[in-house]
Amino acid sequence: MEPINKIKFPLLDLTIDNWSKIKDVSEILFDDEFIYSSSNSNFKLFLLNHLLVDDNGNLFKIKSKEDLPLIKRLLPFGRKAKLIFEDLNKTIDFEEVKVIVLSNINNLEVNDLNKDFINKWYSKVLISKSLSEMFWE
């Protein structure tokens, strides 16, 4: 079975261990297999070999990308490439994923503008039963 057929999105990037440096949740969370850059250098620097976990706890590694046809890449704000995953045939317990997420939330810089959001998010993660609940619902 192709790994993409096994994946239950979203995918959480477990390789990025310092969330204070990210600018947007899309840097750590993938809602599908497409990316919006076709840059090979950015792919190698920011995505290649990253470890990801899906909503079922299955672990995958980003092994390559496949550029979409030129006509699609020319569309502004459109998808540029498709990620190719390797199924590691391993799983991680959801409680372990929660610990990772909670640890990263704890390491975020808290200020007057974001403290309510961070506190609510932390509480939400504590009771969540899926990645979707942690980040989307």
N, C-alpha and C. Protein backbone atom coordinates (compact mmCIF):
# COMPACT_ATOMS: atom_id res chain seq x y z
N MET A 1 0.85 -1.18 0.00
CA MET A 1 0.00 0.00 0.00
C MET A 1 0.89 1.24 0.00
N GLU A 2 0.53 2.20 -0.85
CA GLU A 2 1.25 3.47 -0.89
C GLU A 2 1.07 4.18 0.45
N PRO A 3 2.12 4.77 1.00
CA PRO A 3 2.00 5.47 2.29
C PRO A 3 0.88 6.51 2.31
N ILE A 4 0.68 7.22 1.19
CA ILE A 4 -0.33 8.27 1.17
C ILE A 4 -1.73 7.71 1.41
N ASN A 5 -1.96 6.46 1.02
CA ASN A 5 -3.26 5.82 1.24
C ASN A 5 -3.48 5.43 2.69
N LYS A 6 -2.40 5.33 3.45
CA LYS A 6 -2.48 4.93 4.86
C LYS A 6 -2.59 6.14 5.79
N ILE A 7 -2.15 7.29 5.33
CA ILE A 7 -2.08 8.49 6.17
C ILE A 7 -3.47 9.02 6.48
N LYS A 8 -3.68 9.30 7.77
CA LYS A 8 -4.90 10.01 8.19
C LYS A 8 -4.44 11.40 8.62
N PHE A 9 -4.71 12.36 7.75
CA PHE A 9 -4.31 13.73 8.03
C PHE A 9 -5.14 14.30 9.17
N PRO A 10 -4.57 15.24 9.93
CA PRO A 10 -3.34 15.98 9.70
C PRO A 10 -2.10 15.19 10.12
N LEU A 11 -0.97 15.69 9.63
CA LEU A 11 0.34 15.17 10.03
C LEU A 11 1.04 16.24 10.87
N LEU A 12 1.63 15.83 11.97
CA LEU A 12 2.38 16.73 12.83
C LEU A 12 3.86 16.45 12.65
N ASP A 13 4.64 17.50 12.41
CA ASP A 13 6.08 17.38 12.24
C ASP A 13 6.73 17.26 13.61
N LEU A 14 7.31 16.11 13.90
CA LEU A 14 7.96 15.87 15.19
C LEU A 14 9.43 16.31 15.18
N THR A 15 9.96 16.64 14.01
CA THR A 15 11.37 17.01 13.90
C THR A 15 11.61 18.43 14.41
N ILE A 16 10.64 19.29 14.22
CA ILE A 16 10.77 20.68 14.69
C ILE A 16 10.52 20.69 16.19
N ASP A 17 11.56 20.93 16.94
CA ASP A 17 11.44 20.83 18.39
C ASP A 17 11.46 22.18 19.10
N ASN A 18 11.46 23.25 18.34
CA ASN A 18 11.41 24.58 18.96
C ASN A 18 10.34 25.40 18.26
N TRP A 19 9.14 25.33 18.80
CA TRP A 19 8.01 26.00 18.17
C TRP A 19 8.07 27.52 18.30
N SER A 20 8.93 28.03 19.14
CA SER A 20 9.00 29.49 19.28
C SER A 20 9.56 30.13 18.01
N LYS A 21 10.19 29.34 17.15
CA LYS A 21 10.76 29.88 15.92
C LYS A 21 9.80 29.82 14.73
N ILE A 22 8.69 29.11 14.88
CA ILE A 22 7.77 29.01 13.75
C ILE A 22 6.88 30.24 13.67
N LYS A 23 6.49 30.58 12.46
CA LYS A 23 5.65 31.76 12.25
C LYS A 23 4.19 31.39 12.06
N ASP A 24 3.93 30.14 11.69
CA ASP A 24 2.58 29.71 11.37
C ASP A 24 2.46 28.22 11.65
N VAL A 25 1.27 27.80 12.08
CA VAL A 25 1.05 26.39 12.40
C VAL A 25 1.28 25.48 11.19
N SER A 26 1.16 26.05 9.98
CA SER A 26 1.39 25.23 8.77
C SER A 26 2.84 24.76 8.65
N GLU A 27 3.74 25.31 9.45
CA GLU A 27 5.12 24.85 9.45
C GLU A 27 5.29 23.54 10.21
N ILE A 28 4.33 23.20 11.05
CA ILE A 28 4.43 21.96 11.82
C ILE A 28 3.27 21.01 11.57
N LEU A 29 2.24 21.48 10.88
CA LEU A 29 1.04 20.69 10.67
C LEU A 29 0.68 20.67 9.19
N PHE A 30 0.50 19.48 8.65
CA PHE A 30 0.15 19.32 7.24
C PHE A 30 -1.28 18.77 7.14
N ASP A 31 -2.13 19.47 6.40
CA ASP A 31 -3.50 18.98 6.24
C ASP A 31 -3.67 18.16 4.96
N ASP A 32 -2.63 18.11 4.13
CA ASP A 32 -2.60 17.24 2.96
C ASP A 32 -1.14 17.08 2.53
N GLU A 33 -0.93 16.43 1.40
CA GLU A 33 0.44 16.12 0.97
C GLU A 33 1.07 17.18 0.08
N PHE A 34 0.41 18.32 -0.09
CA PHE A 34 0.91 19.34 -1.00
C PHE A 34 1.61 20.47 -0.27
N ILE A 35 2.60 21.05 -0.95
CA ILE A 35 3.30 22.22 -0.41
C ILE A 35 3.21 23.35 -1.44
N TYR A 36 3.45 24.54 -1.00
CA TYR A 36 3.24 25.73 -1.83
C TYR A 36 4.55 26.35 -2.29
N SER A 37 5.59 25.56 -2.31
CA SER A 37 6.88 25.99 -2.82
C SER A 37 7.48 24.83 -3.61
N SER A 38 8.10 25.15 -4.73
CA SER A 38 8.77 24.10 -5.50
C SER A 38 10.29 24.18 -5.34
N SER A 39 10.74 25.05 -4.46
CA SER A 39 12.17 25.26 -4.24
C SER A 39 12.83 23.99 -3.68
N ASN A 40 13.83 23.49 -4.40
CA ASN A 40 14.55 22.31 -3.93
C ASN A 40 15.39 22.62 -2.70
N SER A 41 15.99 23.82 -2.67
CA SER A 41 16.83 24.16 -1.52
C SER A 41 15.99 24.30 -0.25
N ASN A 42 14.82 24.92 -0.34
CA ASN A 42 13.94 25.03 0.83
C ASN A 42 13.44 23.66 1.27
N PHE A 43 13.12 22.82 0.30
CA PHE A 43 12.66 21.47 0.63
C PHE A 43 13.75 20.72 1.41
N LYS A 44 14.97 20.76 0.91
CA LYS A 44 16.07 20.04 1.58
C LYS A 44 16.35 20.62 2.96
N LEU A 45 16.25 21.92 3.09
CA LEU A 45 16.55 22.59 4.36
C LEU A 45 15.44 22.42 5.40
N PHE A 46 14.18 22.49 4.97
CA PHE A 46 13.07 22.55 5.92
C PHE A 46 12.19 21.31 6.01
N LEU A 47 12.28 20.38 5.06
CA LEU A 47 11.34 19.26 5.08
C LEU A 47 11.96 17.87 4.92
N LEU A 48 12.99 17.75 4.13
CA LEU A 48 13.57 16.44 3.82
C LEU A 48 13.94 15.66 5.09
N ASN A 49 13.50 14.42 5.15
CA ASN A 49 13.77 13.49 6.25
C ASN A 49 13.09 13.86 7.57
N HIS A 50 12.15 14.79 7.54
CA HIS A 50 11.42 15.11 8.77
C HIS A 50 10.51 13.95 9.16
N LEU A 51 10.42 13.73 10.45
CA LEU A 51 9.57 12.68 11.03
C LEU A 51 8.20 13.26 11.31
N LEU A 52 7.16 12.56 10.83
CA LEU A 52 5.79 13.03 10.97
C LEU A 52 4.93 11.94 11.61
N VAL A 53 3.92 12.37 12.35
CA VAL A 53 2.95 11.44 12.92
C VAL A 53 1.57 11.84 12.40
N ASP A 54 0.77 10.82 12.05
CA ASP A 54 -0.58 11.12 11.57
C ASP A 54 -1.59 10.99 12.70
N ASP A 55 -2.85 11.19 12.38
CA ASP A 55 -3.91 11.19 13.38
C ASP A 55 -4.12 9.81 14.01
N ASN A 56 -3.59 8.77 13.40
CA ASN A 56 -3.67 7.41 13.96
C ASN A 56 -2.42 7.00 14.71
N GLY A 57 -1.42 7.90 14.79
CA GLY A 57 -0.17 7.58 15.48
C GLY A 57 0.85 6.90 14.60
N ASN A 58 0.57 6.76 13.30
CA ASN A 58 1.54 6.15 12.37
C ASN A 58 2.65 7.14 12.08
N LEU A 59 3.88 6.64 11.99
CA LEU A 59 5.04 7.48 11.73
C LEU A 59 5.47 7.39 10.27
N PHE A 60 5.79 8.54 9.71
CA PHE A 60 6.23 8.65 8.32
C PHE A 60 7.43 9.57 8.26
N LYS A 61 8.19 9.44 7.18
CA LYS A 61 9.31 10.34 6.93
C LYS A 61 9.11 10.95 5.55
N ILE A 62 9.41 12.23 5.43
CA ILE A 62 9.36 12.88 4.12
C ILE A 62 10.61 12.47 3.36
N LYS A 63 10.44 11.75 2.26
CA LYS A 63 11.62 11.25 1.54
C LYS A 63 11.92 12.00 0.26
N SER A 64 10.93 12.67 -0.33
CA SER A 64 11.19 13.46 -1.54
C SER A 64 9.97 14.31 -1.84
N LYS A 65 10.04 15.03 -2.93
CA LYS A 65 8.90 15.80 -3.42
C LYS A 65 8.81 15.61 -4.92
N GLU A 66 7.62 15.80 -5.41
CA GLU A 66 7.37 15.69 -6.84
C GLU A 66 6.72 16.98 -7.29
N ASP A 67 7.40 17.73 -8.15
CA ASP A 67 6.83 18.99 -8.62
C ASP A 67 5.58 18.71 -9.44
N LEU A 68 4.58 19.55 -9.25
CA LEU A 68 3.35 19.44 -10.02
C LEU A 68 3.60 19.99 -11.43
N PRO A 69 2.73 19.68 -12.39
CA PRO A 69 2.91 20.21 -13.75
C PRO A 69 3.07 21.73 -13.75
N LEU A 70 3.83 22.23 -14.70
CA LEU A 70 4.18 23.65 -14.77
C LEU A 70 2.94 24.55 -14.73
N ILE A 71 1.91 24.18 -15.41
CA ILE A 71 0.71 25.02 -15.44
C ILE A 71 0.13 25.22 -14.04
N LYS A 72 0.20 24.20 -13.22
CA LYS A 72 -0.30 24.32 -11.83
C LYS A 72 0.66 25.15 -10.98
N ARG A 73 1.95 25.01 -11.22
CA ARG A 73 2.93 25.77 -10.44
C ARG A 73 2.89 27.25 -10.74
N LEU A 74 2.39 27.61 -11.92
CA LEU A 74 2.32 29.02 -12.32
C LEU A 74 1.17 29.76 -11.66
N LEU A 75 0.21 29.04 -11.14
CA LEU A 75 -0.94 29.67 -10.48
C LEU A 75 -0.48 30.33 -9.18
N PRO A 76 -0.79 31.60 -8.99
CA PRO A 76 -0.38 32.24 -7.73
C PRO A 76 -1.09 31.60 -6.54
N PHE A 77 -0.38 31.42 -5.48
CA PHE A 77 -0.89 30.85 -4.23
C PHE A 77 -1.37 29.41 -4.38
N GLY A 78 -0.98 28.77 -5.46
CA GLY A 78 -1.40 27.39 -5.69
C GLY A 78 -0.38 26.38 -5.21
N ARG A 79 -0.80 25.16 -5.19
CA ARG A 79 0.09 24.07 -4.80
C ARG A 79 1.20 23.94 -5.84
N LYS A 80 2.42 23.71 -5.36
CA LYS A 80 3.57 23.64 -6.26
C LYS A 80 4.17 22.24 -6.35
N ALA A 81 4.05 21.47 -5.26
CA ALA A 81 4.68 20.14 -5.24
C ALA A 81 3.92 19.22 -4.31
N LYS A 82 4.13 17.94 -4.52
CA LYS A 82 3.50 16.91 -3.69
C LYS A 82 4.61 16.20 -2.90
N LEU A 83 4.40 16.08 -1.60
CA LEU A 83 5.37 15.39 -0.76
C LEU A 83 5.24 13.88 -0.94
N ILE A 84 6.37 13.21 -0.94
CA ILE A 84 6.41 11.75 -1.02
C ILE A 84 6.89 11.25 0.34
N PHE A 85 6.11 10.35 0.92
CA PHE A 85 6.38 9.88 2.28
C PHE A 85 6.88 8.44 2.27
N GLU A 86 7.66 8.13 3.28
CA GLU A 86 8.07 6.75 3.55
C GLU A 86 7.34 6.30 4.81
N ASP A 87 6.64 5.19 4.71
CA ASP A 87 5.96 4.61 5.87
C ASP A 87 7.01 3.90 6.71
N LEU A 88 7.18 4.31 7.94
CA LEU A 88 8.19 3.71 8.81
C LEU A 88 7.68 2.44 9.50
N ASN A 89 6.40 2.14 9.30
CA ASN A 89 5.79 0.96 9.91
C ASN A 89 5.98 0.92 11.42
N LYS A 90 5.91 2.10 12.01
CA LYS A 90 6.00 2.26 13.45
C LYS A 90 4.87 3.19 13.88
N THR A 91 4.51 3.09 15.15
CA THR A 91 3.50 3.98 15.69
C THR A 91 4.01 4.63 16.97
N ILE A 92 3.34 5.69 17.34
CA ILE A 92 3.62 6.37 18.59
C ILE A 92 2.29 6.52 19.31
N ASP A 93 2.31 6.29 20.59
CA ASP A 93 1.09 6.41 21.40
C ASP A 93 0.63 7.87 21.43
N PHE A 94 -0.68 8.08 21.35
CA PHE A 94 -1.20 9.44 21.32
C PHE A 94 -0.83 10.22 22.58
N GLU A 95 -0.74 9.56 23.70
CA GLU A 95 -0.34 10.26 24.93
C GLU A 95 1.08 10.80 24.81
N GLU A 96 1.94 10.07 24.09
CA GLU A 96 3.31 10.56 23.84
C GLU A 96 3.28 11.81 22.97
N VAL A 97 2.41 11.80 21.96
CA VAL A 97 2.26 12.96 21.09
C VAL A 97 1.79 14.15 21.92
N LYS A 98 0.84 13.92 22.81
CA LYS A 98 0.37 15.00 23.69
C LYS A 98 1.50 15.58 24.51
N VAL A 99 2.35 14.74 25.07
CA VAL A 99 3.48 15.21 25.87
C VAL A 99 4.39 16.11 25.03
N ILE A 100 4.64 15.71 23.79
CA ILE A 100 5.48 16.51 22.89
C ILE A 100 4.83 17.87 22.62
N VAL A 101 3.54 17.85 22.31
CA VAL A 101 2.82 19.10 22.01
C VAL A 101 2.78 19.99 23.25
N LEU A 102 2.44 19.43 24.40
CA LEU A 102 2.36 20.22 25.62
C LEU A 102 3.72 20.81 25.99
N SER A 103 4.77 20.05 25.81
CA SER A 103 6.12 20.54 26.08
C SER A 103 6.44 21.73 25.18
N ASN A 104 6.08 21.62 23.90
CA ASN A 104 6.33 22.72 22.97
C ASN A 104 5.49 23.94 23.31
N ILE A 105 4.26 23.74 23.72
CA ILE A 105 3.42 24.87 24.12
C ILE A 105 4.03 25.55 25.36
N ASN A 106 4.52 24.74 26.30
CA ASN A 106 5.15 25.29 27.50
C ASN A 106 6.37 26.14 27.19
N ASN A 107 7.04 25.84 26.09
CA ASN A 107 8.26 26.56 25.72
C ASN A 107 8.00 27.81 24.89
N LEU A 108 6.74 28.07 24.56
CA LEU A 108 6.42 29.28 23.80
C LEU A 108 6.55 30.51 24.69
N GLU A 109 6.92 31.59 24.08
CA GLU A 109 7.01 32.85 24.82
C GLU A 109 5.60 33.37 25.07
N VAL A 110 5.28 33.59 26.32
CA VAL A 110 3.95 34.06 26.70
C VAL A 110 4.01 35.56 26.97
N ASN A 111 3.03 36.28 26.42
CA ASN A 111 2.93 37.72 26.69
C ASN A 111 1.46 38.07 26.86
N ASP A 112 1.19 39.32 27.10
CA ASP A 112 -0.20 39.75 27.34
C ASP A 112 -1.10 39.49 26.14
N LEU A 113 -0.55 39.51 24.95
CA LEU A 113 -1.35 39.32 23.74
C LEU A 113 -1.74 37.85 23.50
N ASN A 114 -0.89 36.92 23.92
CA ASN A 114 -1.17 35.52 23.58
C ASN A 114 -1.45 34.61 24.77
N LYS A 115 -1.35 35.11 25.98
CA LYS A 115 -1.45 34.21 27.14
C LYS A 115 -2.81 33.51 27.22
N ASP A 116 -3.90 34.20 26.91
CA ASP A 116 -5.22 33.55 26.95
C ASP A 116 -5.30 32.43 25.92
N PHE A 117 -4.83 32.73 24.71
CA PHE A 117 -4.85 31.73 23.65
C PHE A 117 -4.01 30.51 24.05
N ILE A 118 -2.81 30.73 24.54
CA ILE A 118 -1.92 29.63 24.91
C ILE A 118 -2.52 28.80 26.05
N ASN A 119 -3.10 29.45 27.03
CA ASN A 119 -3.73 28.72 28.14
C ASN A 119 -4.90 27.88 27.66
N LYS A 120 -5.73 28.43 26.77
CA LYS A 120 -6.86 27.68 26.23
C LYS A 120 -6.38 26.51 25.37
N TRP A 121 -5.36 26.76 24.57
CA TRP A 121 -4.81 25.71 23.71
C TRP A 121 -4.24 24.57 24.56
N TYR A 122 -3.50 24.91 25.61
CA TYR A 122 -2.93 23.91 26.50
C TYR A 122 -4.05 23.04 27.10
N SER A 123 -5.10 23.69 27.58
CA SER A 123 -6.23 22.96 28.17
C SER A 123 -6.91 22.07 27.13
N LYS A 124 -7.02 22.56 25.93
CA LYS A 124 -7.63 21.80 24.84
C LYS A 124 -6.81 20.55 24.51
N VAL A 125 -5.50 20.70 24.48
CA VAL A 125 -4.62 19.56 24.19
C VAL A 125 -4.76 18.50 25.27
N LEU A 126 -4.86 18.93 26.51
CA LEU A 126 -4.98 17.97 27.62
C LEU A 126 -6.16 17.03 27.45
N ILE A 127 -7.27 17.51 26.90
CA ILE A 127 -8.47 16.68 26.78
C ILE A 127 -8.68 16.12 25.37
N SER A 128 -7.81 16.49 24.44
CA SER A 128 -8.00 16.06 23.05
C SER A 128 -7.75 14.56 22.89
N LYS A 129 -8.40 14.03 21.87
CA LYS A 129 -8.26 12.60 21.56
C LYS A 129 -7.69 12.39 20.16
N SER A 130 -7.33 13.49 19.48
CA SER A 130 -6.75 13.39 18.14
C SER A 130 -5.98 14.67 17.82
N LEU A 131 -5.13 14.59 16.80
CA LEU A 131 -4.43 15.79 16.33
C LEU A 131 -5.43 16.83 15.83
N SER A 132 -6.47 16.35 15.17
CA SER A 132 -7.49 17.27 14.67
C SER A 132 -8.07 18.10 15.81
N GLU A 133 -8.37 17.46 16.92
CA GLU A 133 -8.92 18.19 18.08
C GLU A 133 -7.91 19.18 18.64
N MET A 134 -6.64 18.80 18.64
CA MET A 134 -5.61 19.70 19.19
C MET A 134 -5.47 20.98 18.41
N PHE A 135 -5.56 20.87 17.09
CA PHE A 135 -5.20 22.00 16.25
C PHE A 135 -6.37 22.63 15.48
N TRP A 136 -7.44 21.90 15.22
CA TRP A 136 -8.46 22.42 14.32
C TRP A 136 -9.80 22.65 14.98
N GLU A 137 -10.20 21.81 15.87
CA GLU A 137 -11.57 21.88 16.37
C GLU A 137 -11.70 22.79 17.58
